Amino acid sequence: MSSKTTIYGIFDDEEILLSSVKEIRAKEIEIKEVYSPFPVHGLDKALGLKETRMAITAFIYGCIGISLAALMIYNIMIVDWPQNIGGKPNFSFYHNVPSFVPILFECTVLFAAHLMSITYLIRCGLYPGGKSDSPDVRTTDDKFLMEIEIEGDVSSVKDILKQTGASEINEKQA
């Protein structure tokens, strides 16, 4: 029974990493994860990752924000404390909508932004007390790391990593 070996290829430059990812994927070697200190443009396409659903959640959070803002405005300005401001009718919501647009917009943005931030932090495990799964602390500063899990011949993958520009190659038995 063969055991899985994890190979870590460390890169100094994001362009070299990106070309290496493309070449390794072209040879049908599966890349488990890539760690980088900042987003690398085109890396998601090179890794073959599918589109995120965060835009859908942003839309839902915006809808919640505008709904709660409309409910709040209706309750405050129409039901609870109607005021005659500038001769505008104070008994109907839809007559006053143009004056409520800035509040509706700001509440939509407020809810979408804050709830998206919270969702992102929870989804990525970046909440207080969350554990980092990065295998090398240098990936938070200036290094890029490619993690490949493989069974069998490790030397061919190491050779490919060397040829594609990895500055350092480490190996861990699982």
Protein backbone atom coordinates (compact mmCIF):
# COMPACT_ATOMS: atom_id res chain seq x y z
CA MET A 1 0.00 0.00 0.00
CA SER A 2 1.50 3.32 -1.04
CA SER A 3 1.28 6.32 1.22
CA LYS A 4 0.45 9.83 0.13
CA THR A 5 3.26 12.33 -0.03
CA THR A 6 2.72 16.06 0.11
CA ILE A 7 5.13 18.17 -1.88
CA TYR A 8 5.52 21.88 -1.21
CA GLY A 9 6.98 23.99 -3.99
CA ILE A 10 7.97 27.47 -2.82
CA PHE A 11 8.21 30.30 -5.35
CA ASP A 12 9.62 33.82 -5.11
CA ASP A 13 7.57 35.45 -7.89
CA GLU A 14 3.86 35.30 -8.73
CA GLU A 15 4.45 35.16 -12.50
CA ILE A 16 6.71 32.13 -12.13
CA LEU A 17 4.10 30.52 -9.86
CA LEU A 18 1.33 31.18 -12.39
CA SER A 19 3.28 29.70 -15.29
CA SER A 20 4.24 26.72 -13.11
CA VAL A 21 0.61 26.10 -12.17
CA LYS A 22 -0.38 26.16 -15.85
CA GLU A 23 2.40 23.74 -16.81
CA ILE A 24 1.70 21.32 -13.96
CA ARG A 25 -2.03 21.32 -14.68
CA ALA A 26 -1.26 20.70 -18.37
CA LYS A 27 0.57 17.52 -17.28
CA GLU A 28 -2.61 16.49 -15.41
CA ILE A 29 -1.09 16.68 -11.96
CA GLU A 30 -3.64 17.79 -9.39
CA ILE A 31 -2.69 20.78 -7.27
CA LYS A 32 -4.27 20.64 -3.82
CA GLU A 33 -3.79 24.29 -2.81
CA VAL A 34 -1.79 27.43 -3.54
CA TYR A 35 -0.92 29.88 -0.75
CA SER A 36 0.09 33.46 -1.54
CA PRO A 37 0.53 36.68 0.43
CA PHE A 38 -1.79 38.57 -1.96
CA PRO A 39 -4.29 37.71 -4.70
CA VAL A 40 -2.67 36.65 -7.96
CA HIS A 41 -4.63 37.68 -11.05
CA GLY A 42 -5.53 34.65 -13.17
CA LEU A 43 -4.58 32.05 -10.58
CA ASP A 44 -8.17 30.94 -10.03
CA LYS A 45 -8.61 30.24 -13.75
CA ALA A 46 -5.23 28.48 -13.94
CA LEU A 47 -6.19 26.22 -11.01
CA GLY A 48 -9.58 25.47 -12.59
CA LEU A 49 -11.58 26.80 -9.65
CA LYS A 50 -15.29 27.38 -10.18
CA GLU A 51 -16.94 30.76 -9.74
CA THR A 52 -17.74 31.88 -6.21
CA ARG A 53 -21.31 32.33 -4.99
CA MET A 54 -20.48 35.37 -2.88
CA ALA A 55 -22.24 37.70 -5.37
CA ILE A 56 -25.50 35.86 -4.71
CA THR A 57 -25.12 36.32 -0.97
CA ALA A 58 -24.31 40.02 -1.51
CA PHE A 59 -27.56 40.42 -3.44
CA ILE A 60 -29.53 38.62 -0.73
CA TYR A 61 -27.93 40.75 2.00
CA GLY A 62 -28.71 43.91 0.00
CA CYS A 63 -32.35 42.81 -0.33
CA ILE A 64 -32.51 42.25 3.42
CA GLY A 65 -31.01 45.71 3.98
CA ILE A 66 -33.42 47.54 1.68
CA SER A 67 -36.40 45.62 3.11
CA LEU A 68 -35.49 46.45 6.70
CA ALA A 69 -34.80 50.08 5.75
CA ALA A 70 -38.20 50.39 4.05
CA LEU A 71 -39.89 48.80 7.07
CA MET A 72 -38.05 51.13 9.44
CA ILE A 73 -38.87 54.26 7.39
CA TYR A 74 -42.51 53.27 7.05
CA ASN A 75 -42.82 52.63 10.76
CA ILE A 76 -41.01 55.82 11.82
CA MET A 77 -42.18 58.33 9.20
CA ILE A 78 -45.70 57.11 8.38
CA VAL A 79 -47.07 55.15 11.36
CA ASP A 80 -45.29 56.28 14.51
CA TRP A 81 -44.29 59.91 13.99
CA PRO A 82 -45.74 61.44 10.80
CA GLN A 83 -44.47 64.95 10.14
CA ASN A 84 -45.38 67.52 7.54
CA ILE A 85 -42.01 68.44 6.07
CA GLY A 86 -42.06 70.85 3.12
CA GLY A 87 -45.74 70.24 2.42
CA LYS A 88 -45.21 66.59 1.48
CA PRO A 89 -48.02 64.19 2.31
CA ASN A 90 -47.28 62.26 5.46
CA PHE A 91 -49.92 59.57 5.20
CA SER A 92 -48.50 57.40 2.39
CA PHE A 93 -45.16 55.75 1.83
CA TYR A 94 -45.05 55.81 -1.97
CA HIS A 95 -45.59 59.58 -2.20
CA ASN A 96 -42.46 60.10 -0.11
CA VAL A 97 -40.18 57.48 -1.71
CA PRO A 98 -37.95 60.04 -3.50
CA SER A 99 -36.95 61.55 -0.16
CA PHE A 100 -36.30 58.07 1.29
CA VAL A 101 -34.00 56.88 -1.55
CA PRO A 102 -30.72 57.94 0.12
CA ILE A 103 -31.62 56.08 3.32
CA LEU A 104 -32.73 53.01 1.39
CA PHE A 105 -29.50 53.01 -0.62
CA GLU A 106 -27.25 53.48 2.40
CA CYS A 107 -28.95 50.70 4.36
CA THR A 108 -28.63 48.39 1.35
CA VAL A 109 -24.90 49.06 1.13
CA LEU A 110 -24.46 48.86 4.92
CA PHE A 111 -26.10 45.44 5.20
CA ALA A 112 -24.41 44.02 2.10
CA ALA A 113 -20.94 45.20 3.13
CA HIS A 114 -21.07 44.17 6.76
CA LEU A 115 -22.78 40.83 6.25
CA MET A 116 -20.44 40.00 3.34
CA SER A 117 -17.44 40.73 5.58
CA ILE A 118 -18.82 38.51 8.33
CA THR A 119 -19.66 35.74 5.84
CA TYR A 120 -16.17 35.90 4.32
CA LEU A 121 -14.44 35.75 7.69
CA ILE A 122 -16.54 32.80 8.86
CA ARG A 123 -16.22 30.96 5.53
CA CYS A 124 -12.42 31.35 5.49
CA GLY A 125 -12.05 30.47 9.18
CA LEU A 126 -10.58 33.86 10.06
CA TYR A 127 -12.72 34.38 13.14
CA PRO A 128 -11.05 34.87 16.55
CA GLY A 129 -9.49 31.58 17.63
CA GLY A 130 -9.44 30.15 14.10
CA LYS A 131 -6.42 28.03 13.20
CA SER A 132 -4.27 28.76 10.15
CA ASP A 133 -3.80 25.88 7.75
CA SER A 134 -0.86 27.43 5.92
CA PRO A 135 2.05 24.97 5.90
CA ASP A 136 4.70 27.73 5.77
CA VAL A 137 4.53 31.07 7.60
CA ARG A 138 6.51 32.79 4.83
CA THR A 139 3.39 32.72 2.64
CA THR A 140 2.02 35.62 4.69
CA ASP A 141 5.03 37.76 3.83
CA ASP A 142 6.75 37.24 0.48
CA LYS A 143 6.67 33.60 -0.66
CA PHE A 144 4.21 31.61 -2.77
CA LEU A 145 3.57 27.95 -1.97
CA MET A 146 2.09 25.23 -4.15
CA GLU A 147 0.85 22.12 -2.36
CA ILE A 148 0.65 18.88 -4.33
CA GLU A 149 -0.54 15.60 -2.85
CA ILE A 150 0.68 12.57 -4.77
CA GLU A 151 0.91 8.80 -4.45
CA GLY A 152 3.81 6.95 -6.00
CA ASP A 153 6.72 8.56 -7.85
CA VAL A 154 7.61 11.86 -6.21
CA SER A 155 10.81 12.54 -8.14
CA SER A 156 9.02 13.37 -11.41
CA VAL A 157 6.88 16.02 -9.69
CA LYS A 158 9.96 17.43 -7.98
CA ASP A 159 11.74 17.64 -11.33
CA ILE A 160 8.81 19.47 -12.88
CA LEU A 161 8.75 21.93 -9.97
CA LYS A 162 12.49 22.57 -10.37
CA GLN A 163 12.13 23.08 -14.12
CA THR A 164 9.25 25.52 -13.69
CA GLY A 165 11.14 27.75 -11.25
CA ALA A 166 10.53 26.60 -7.68
CA SER A 167 13.16 28.10 -5.40
CA GLU A 168 12.65 25.46 -2.71
CA ILE A 169 10.98 22.04 -2.63
CA ASN A 170 9.93 20.31 0.58
CA GLU A 171 8.30 16.95 1.13
CA LYS A 172 6.11 15.54 3.90
CA GLN A 173 4.92 11.97 4.30
CA ALA A 174 1.26 11.57 5.20
